[in-house]
Protein backbone atom coordinates (compact mmCIF):
# COMPACT_ATOMS: atom_id res chain seq x y z
CA MET A 1 -1.62 -35.09 -17.86
CA SER A 2 -2.31 -31.43 -17.46
CA ILE A 3 0.22 -28.85 -16.24
CA GLU A 4 -0.83 -25.63 -14.61
CA VAL A 5 1.40 -22.61 -13.75
CA LEU A 6 -0.46 -20.41 -11.49
CA ASN A 7 0.66 -16.55 -10.95
CA LEU A 8 4.54 -18.01 -10.59
CA SER A 9 7.37 -15.71 -9.34
CA LYS A 10 10.90 -16.19 -8.45
CA TYR A 11 13.17 -13.45 -6.77
CA PHE A 12 16.72 -13.62 -6.40
CA GLY A 13 17.44 -10.74 -3.94
CA ASN A 14 15.28 -7.64 -5.33
CA GLN A 15 15.73 -9.19 -9.02
CA ALA A 16 12.54 -11.03 -10.36
CA ALA A 17 13.77 -13.71 -12.65
CA VAL A 18 10.09 -14.85 -12.92
CA ASP A 19 7.39 -12.09 -12.60
CA ASP A 20 3.82 -13.42 -11.99
CA ILE A 21 3.48 -15.81 -14.99
CA SER A 22 0.24 -18.20 -15.52
CA PHE A 23 -0.16 -20.64 -18.31
CA THR A 24 -1.49 -24.36 -18.88
CA VAL A 25 -0.53 -27.09 -21.04
CA LYS A 26 -2.66 -30.07 -21.56
CA LYS A 27 -2.18 -33.83 -22.16
CA GLY A 28 -0.84 -34.56 -25.71
CA GLU A 29 0.40 -30.76 -26.16
CA ILE A 30 4.04 -29.50 -27.05
CA LEU A 31 4.36 -26.36 -25.57
CA GLY A 32 7.23 -24.23 -26.87
CA PHE A 33 8.60 -22.21 -24.04
CA LEU A 34 10.48 -19.19 -25.66
CA GLY A 35 12.40 -16.17 -24.69
CA PRO A 36 15.99 -14.64 -25.17
CA ASN A 37 18.85 -15.61 -22.86
CA GLY A 38 18.17 -14.70 -19.21
CA ALA A 39 14.42 -14.28 -19.85
CA GLY A 40 13.70 -16.56 -17.08
CA LYS A 41 12.99 -19.96 -18.97
CA SER A 42 15.37 -22.19 -17.22
CA THR A 43 14.44 -20.71 -13.79
CA THR A 44 10.68 -21.63 -14.49
CA MET A 45 11.58 -25.04 -15.49
CA LYS A 46 13.58 -25.84 -12.50
CA ILE A 47 10.42 -24.76 -10.24
CA MET A 48 8.30 -26.82 -12.44
CA VAL A 49 10.31 -29.95 -11.81
CA GLY A 50 10.70 -29.17 -8.08
CA TYR A 51 14.44 -28.44 -8.16
CA ILE A 52 13.98 -24.84 -6.66
CA ARG A 53 11.13 -23.37 -4.76
CA ALA A 54 8.91 -20.46 -6.22
CA SER A 55 8.92 -17.02 -4.44
CA SER A 56 5.21 -17.08 -5.02
CA GLY A 57 2.52 -18.99 -7.11
CA GLU A 58 2.61 -22.59 -7.53
CA VAL A 59 2.99 -25.29 -10.29
CA ARG A 60 0.31 -28.19 -10.32
CA ILE A 61 0.39 -31.54 -12.34
CA ASN A 62 -3.07 -32.98 -12.60
CA GLY A 63 -4.12 -30.94 -9.80
CA GLN A 64 -1.00 -32.12 -7.47
CA LYS A 65 1.32 -29.13 -6.31
CA VAL A 66 4.86 -29.48 -7.26
CA ASP A 67 7.43 -28.71 -4.41
CA VAL A 68 10.93 -29.56 -3.75
CA ASP A 69 9.77 -32.09 -0.99
CA ASN A 70 6.91 -33.80 -3.31
CA LEU A 71 8.68 -36.76 -4.78
CA GLU A 72 5.26 -37.96 -6.05
CA THR A 73 5.08 -35.35 -8.84
CA ARG A 74 8.96 -36.01 -9.61
CA LYS A 75 7.79 -39.53 -10.47
CA VAL A 76 5.74 -38.31 -13.20
CA ILE A 77 8.15 -35.76 -14.81
CA GLY A 78 11.30 -36.47 -17.02
CA TYR A 79 13.65 -33.61 -17.08
CA LEU A 80 16.50 -32.78 -19.49
CA PRO A 81 18.35 -29.77 -18.10
CA GLU A 82 20.04 -27.35 -20.58
CA ASN A 83 23.66 -28.54 -19.40
CA ASN A 84 22.59 -32.09 -19.59
CA PRO A 85 24.73 -33.42 -16.69
CA LEU A 86 25.90 -36.82 -17.53
CA TYR A 87 28.52 -39.41 -15.93
CA THR A 88 31.13 -39.35 -18.74
CA GLU A 89 33.06 -42.18 -17.36
CA MET A 90 30.13 -44.48 -17.53
CA TYR A 91 29.25 -46.43 -20.32
CA VAL A 92 25.76 -45.71 -22.11
CA ARG A 93 24.12 -48.77 -21.27
CA GLU A 94 25.59 -48.87 -17.84
CA TYR A 95 24.37 -45.24 -17.05
CA LEU A 96 20.75 -46.16 -18.24
CA GLU A 97 20.61 -48.82 -16.06
CA PHE A 98 22.08 -46.89 -13.11
CA ILE A 99 19.32 -44.26 -13.70
CA GLY A 100 16.62 -46.97 -14.22
CA LYS A 101 17.68 -48.52 -10.51
CA ILE A 102 17.13 -45.31 -8.83
CA TYR A 103 13.54 -45.02 -10.11
CA LYS A 104 13.32 -48.99 -9.20
CA ILE A 105 12.40 -50.02 -12.36
CA LYS A 106 11.32 -53.47 -13.02
CA ASN A 107 13.03 -55.50 -15.64
CA VAL A 108 15.44 -52.59 -16.13
CA ARG A 109 17.68 -54.31 -18.72
CA GLN A 110 14.59 -54.59 -20.99
CA ARG A 111 13.56 -50.97 -20.48
CA VAL A 112 17.09 -49.80 -21.12
CA ASP A 113 16.91 -51.82 -24.48
CA GLU A 114 13.77 -49.97 -25.20
CA MET A 115 15.14 -46.63 -24.60
CA ILE A 116 18.25 -47.52 -26.63
CA GLU A 117 15.99 -48.01 -29.50
CA ALA A 118 13.65 -45.33 -29.02
CA VAL A 119 16.29 -42.58 -29.05
CA GLY A 120 18.66 -44.27 -31.65
CA LEU A 121 21.61 -45.43 -29.40
CA GLU A 122 22.09 -48.84 -30.65
CA ALA A 123 25.48 -48.12 -32.38
CA GLU A 124 26.60 -46.35 -29.23
CA GLN A 125 25.42 -48.20 -26.62
CA ASN A 126 28.71 -49.72 -25.46
CA LYS A 127 30.68 -46.73 -25.69
CA LYS A 128 31.79 -44.43 -22.83
CA ILE A 129 29.46 -41.50 -22.59
CA GLY A 130 32.53 -38.97 -22.87
CA LEU A 131 33.51 -40.36 -26.25
CA LEU A 132 30.13 -39.63 -27.62
CA SER A 133 29.18 -36.60 -29.81
CA LYS A 134 27.09 -33.81 -28.56
CA GLY A 135 24.27 -35.25 -30.54
CA TYR A 136 24.52 -38.62 -29.05
CA LYS A 137 24.98 -36.99 -25.54
CA GLN A 138 21.46 -35.50 -26.10
CA ARG A 139 20.04 -38.69 -26.84
CA VAL A 140 21.39 -40.36 -23.86
CA GLY A 141 20.08 -37.33 -21.84
CA LEU A 142 16.54 -37.99 -23.33
CA ALA A 143 16.67 -41.66 -22.73
CA GLN A 144 17.29 -41.16 -18.90
CA ALA A 145 14.51 -38.28 -18.96
CA LEU A 146 12.14 -41.06 -20.35
CA ILE A 147 13.33 -44.30 -18.97
CA HIS A 148 10.64 -44.16 -15.86
CA ASN A 149 7.94 -43.59 -18.62
CA PRO A 150 6.78 -40.14 -17.30
CA SER A 151 3.67 -38.50 -18.22
CA VAL A 152 5.40 -35.05 -18.42
CA LEU A 153 8.56 -34.24 -20.32
CA ILE A 154 10.15 -31.08 -19.73
CA LEU A 155 13.28 -30.19 -22.13
CA ASP A 156 15.73 -27.37 -21.67
CA GLU A 157 17.45 -26.45 -24.76
CA PRO A 158 17.42 -30.08 -26.26
CA THR A 159 18.98 -28.94 -29.68
CA SER A 160 21.55 -26.71 -28.27
CA GLY A 161 24.90 -27.18 -30.22
CA LEU A 162 23.66 -29.74 -32.46
CA ASP A 163 24.19 -29.81 -36.23
CA PRO A 164 21.13 -29.60 -38.59
CA ASN A 165 20.80 -33.38 -39.08
CA GLN A 166 20.86 -34.07 -35.44
CA ILE A 167 18.45 -31.08 -34.84
CA ALA A 168 16.08 -32.69 -37.36
CA GLU A 169 16.21 -36.10 -35.56
CA ILE A 170 15.47 -34.72 -32.02
CA ARG A 171 12.64 -32.71 -33.35
CA THR A 172 11.37 -35.88 -35.03
CA LEU A 173 11.66 -37.61 -31.59
CA ILE A 174 9.82 -35.14 -29.49
CA LYS A 175 7.05 -34.95 -32.16
CA ARG A 176 6.75 -38.71 -31.71
CA LEU A 177 6.77 -38.30 -27.92
CA GLY A 178 4.10 -35.55 -27.94
CA LYS A 179 1.63 -37.70 -29.20
CA GLU A 180 1.35 -39.31 -25.82
CA LYS A 181 3.12 -37.11 -23.22
CA THR A 182 2.58 -33.66 -22.18
CA VAL A 183 5.90 -31.98 -23.52
CA ILE A 184 7.54 -28.56 -22.69
CA LEU A 185 10.17 -27.43 -24.90
CA SER A 186 12.41 -24.61 -23.99
CA THR A 187 14.39 -22.71 -26.73
CA HIS A 188 15.07 -19.18 -28.31
CA ILE A 189 14.83 -20.50 -31.58
CA MET A 190 11.70 -19.57 -33.56
CA GLN A 191 12.05 -22.14 -36.26
CA GLU A 192 12.32 -24.82 -33.88
CA ALA A 193 9.27 -23.97 -32.18
CA GLU A 194 7.56 -23.49 -35.43
CA ALA A 195 8.62 -27.27 -36.43
CA THR A 196 7.65 -28.82 -33.37
CA CYS A 197 5.23 -27.11 -31.05
CA ASP A 198 1.49 -26.90 -30.79
CA LYS A 199 1.53 -23.72 -28.61
CA ILE A 200 3.95 -21.06 -27.93
CA ILE A 201 4.70 -19.01 -25.06
CA ILE A 202 6.98 -16.29 -25.25
CA ILE A 203 8.80 -14.89 -21.90
CA SER A 204 10.81 -11.71 -21.72
CA LYS A 205 12.59 -10.15 -18.44
CA GLY A 206 10.56 -12.60 -16.49
CA LYS A 207 7.16 -11.66 -17.79
CA LEU A 208 4.86 -13.46 -20.36
CA VAL A 209 4.41 -11.48 -23.49
CA ALA A 210 2.69 -14.08 -25.61
CA ASN A 211 0.67 -17.31 -24.99
CA ASN A 212 -0.84 -18.57 -28.03
CA SER A 213 -1.04 -21.66 -30.57
CA ALA A 214 1.62 -21.75 -33.04
CA ALA A 215 -0.76 -21.26 -35.88
CA ALA A 216 -2.12 -17.89 -34.48
CA LEU A 217 1.45 -16.68 -33.91
CA LYS A 218 2.08 -17.34 -37.44
CA ASP A 219 -1.17 -15.48 -38.21
CA TYR A 220 0.07 -12.32 -36.10
CA ALA A 221 3.37 -12.51 -38.03
CA ALA A 222 1.42 -12.68 -41.37
CA LYS A 223 -0.51 -9.43 -40.57
CA GLN A 224 0.55 -6.92 -43.21
CA THR A 225 3.25 -4.48 -43.28
CA VAL A 226 3.67 -2.05 -46.32
CA TYR A 227 6.29 -0.15 -47.68
CA VAL A 228 5.42 3.18 -49.24
CA GLU A 229 7.00 5.93 -51.18
CA TYR A 230 5.51 9.18 -52.25
CA ASP A 231 6.45 12.08 -54.45
CA GLU A 232 5.62 14.24 -51.36
CA THR A 233 7.28 14.03 -47.96
CA PRO A 234 4.26 13.65 -45.44
CA SER A 235 4.57 13.75 -41.81
CA LYS A 236 4.38 10.70 -39.37
CA THR A 237 1.60 11.99 -37.82
CA GLU A 238 -0.43 12.45 -40.89
CA LEU A 239 0.29 8.81 -41.76
CA THR A 240 -0.77 7.43 -38.42
CA LYS A 241 -4.31 8.77 -39.35
CA ILE A 242 -4.70 6.14 -42.27
CA PRO A 243 -7.42 3.65 -41.07
CA HIS A 244 -6.20 0.24 -39.35
CA VAL A 245 -2.67 1.63 -39.10
CA SER A 246 -1.14 0.65 -35.68
CA LYS A 247 2.74 1.84 -36.60
CA VAL A 248 4.58 3.86 -38.75
CA LYS A 249 8.36 3.85 -39.38
CA GLU A 250 10.41 5.88 -41.42
CA LEU A 251 12.86 3.88 -43.93
CA ASN A 252 15.19 5.13 -46.66
CA ASN A 253 13.23 7.38 -48.81
CA GLY A 254 9.74 5.86 -47.69
CA TRP A 255 7.62 4.52 -45.07
CA LEU A 256 7.11 1.19 -43.27
CA ILE A 257 3.21 1.09 -42.15
CA GLU A 258 2.13 -1.63 -40.16
CA THR A 259 -1.57 -2.91 -39.24
CA SER A 260 -2.55 -5.44 -36.44
CA GLU A 261 -5.88 -6.08 -38.17
CA ASP A 262 -6.67 -8.73 -40.87
CA VAL A 263 -7.15 -6.14 -43.62
CA ASP A 264 -5.48 -5.33 -47.02
CA LEU A 265 -3.48 -2.16 -45.78
CA ARG A 266 -2.74 -1.48 -49.59
CA LYS A 267 -6.20 -0.23 -50.10
CA ALA A 268 -6.22 1.98 -47.29
CA VAL A 269 -3.02 3.56 -47.99
CA ALA A 270 -3.90 4.08 -51.55
CA SER A 271 -7.11 5.75 -50.74
CA HIS A 272 -5.43 7.88 -48.33
CA ALA A 273 -3.02 9.04 -50.86
CA GLN A 274 -5.66 9.69 -53.45
CA GLN A 275 -7.50 11.77 -50.95
CA LYS A 276 -4.28 13.88 -50.26
CA ARG A 277 -3.44 14.09 -54.05
CA TRP A 278 -0.04 12.39 -53.25
CA LEU A 279 1.37 10.19 -56.09
CA VAL A 280 2.30 6.66 -54.87
CA LEU A 281 5.67 5.74 -56.26
CA THR A 282 6.16 2.22 -54.51
CA LEU A 283 3.65 0.30 -52.56
CA GLN A 284 5.01 -3.20 -51.73
CA VAL A 285 3.60 -5.76 -49.02
CA LYS A 286 6.36 -6.88 -46.39
CA ASN A 287 5.08 -9.64 -44.05
CA LYS A 288 6.80 -10.14 -40.96
CA SER A 289 8.97 -13.09 -40.00
CA LEU A 290 8.35 -15.05 -36.91
CA GLU A 291 11.88 -14.01 -35.89
CA GLU A 292 10.72 -10.26 -36.22
CA VAL A 293 7.75 -10.93 -34.27
CA PHE A 294 9.89 -12.61 -31.56
CA ARG A 295 12.12 -9.45 -31.43
CA GLU A 296 9.26 -7.18 -31.45
CA LEU A 297 7.89 -9.09 -28.36
CA THR A 298 10.97 -9.40 -26.44
CA GLN A 299 12.82 -6.04 -26.98
């Protein structure tokens, strides 16, 4: 089941929380929805599930428009909000049966059994939710999002506050679910998106700044940056004349020189130095990390 976000905007007064963004997600695809805090991720997701209305634009699930009054689209969406609201005085099984009855699920006890096994809650199923660890509370939240077997799963910061073991377990579960559902995963952690997602979108100050496959974003991160020191003190303007160079930055006693092209920048830098009769004292490759790419796109 596909998701289309078309020219979506949301204003609170004069402030644009979401500013004319568009993207699509296909069935069986896990989309990483990234951005710094306050970028507009949660607002976008609330519009996508029909919790709040957009100021303009629209969201369509399998061609059907999502709206706060459209209960049909809500039937096919599973949603785990960032704050994961739960009835902490209820027992795990009791709570999941309650959610199942809201969705009018037949054989609700059998379905609850399936969900408890799917998210690994067997040992905790007879405990009160308020007594569970953060990791197990997240599993309860996932179970309630999945209990009606939705085609679309929207998860807002599902690993927030979890320890490394819990994060790994939740990631594994999400990857398994992604084989049969359309999943949108909100996070501000690049490693999480890299480990889990097929496609990555980055949003900053309400605007879309990247929309590509995880592999393509990694390729972008791998575009070369070299650190070079000369026996001369060249000007920044002169260094920007080197072929393929997109950015030059002074650093310590040398220069960081970047390219956005798929070339070996060392050859261009060395050739330019030879033409200028400069002695190259240091020439090192410094590839960007995904975190550096994220900061570059969102600052």
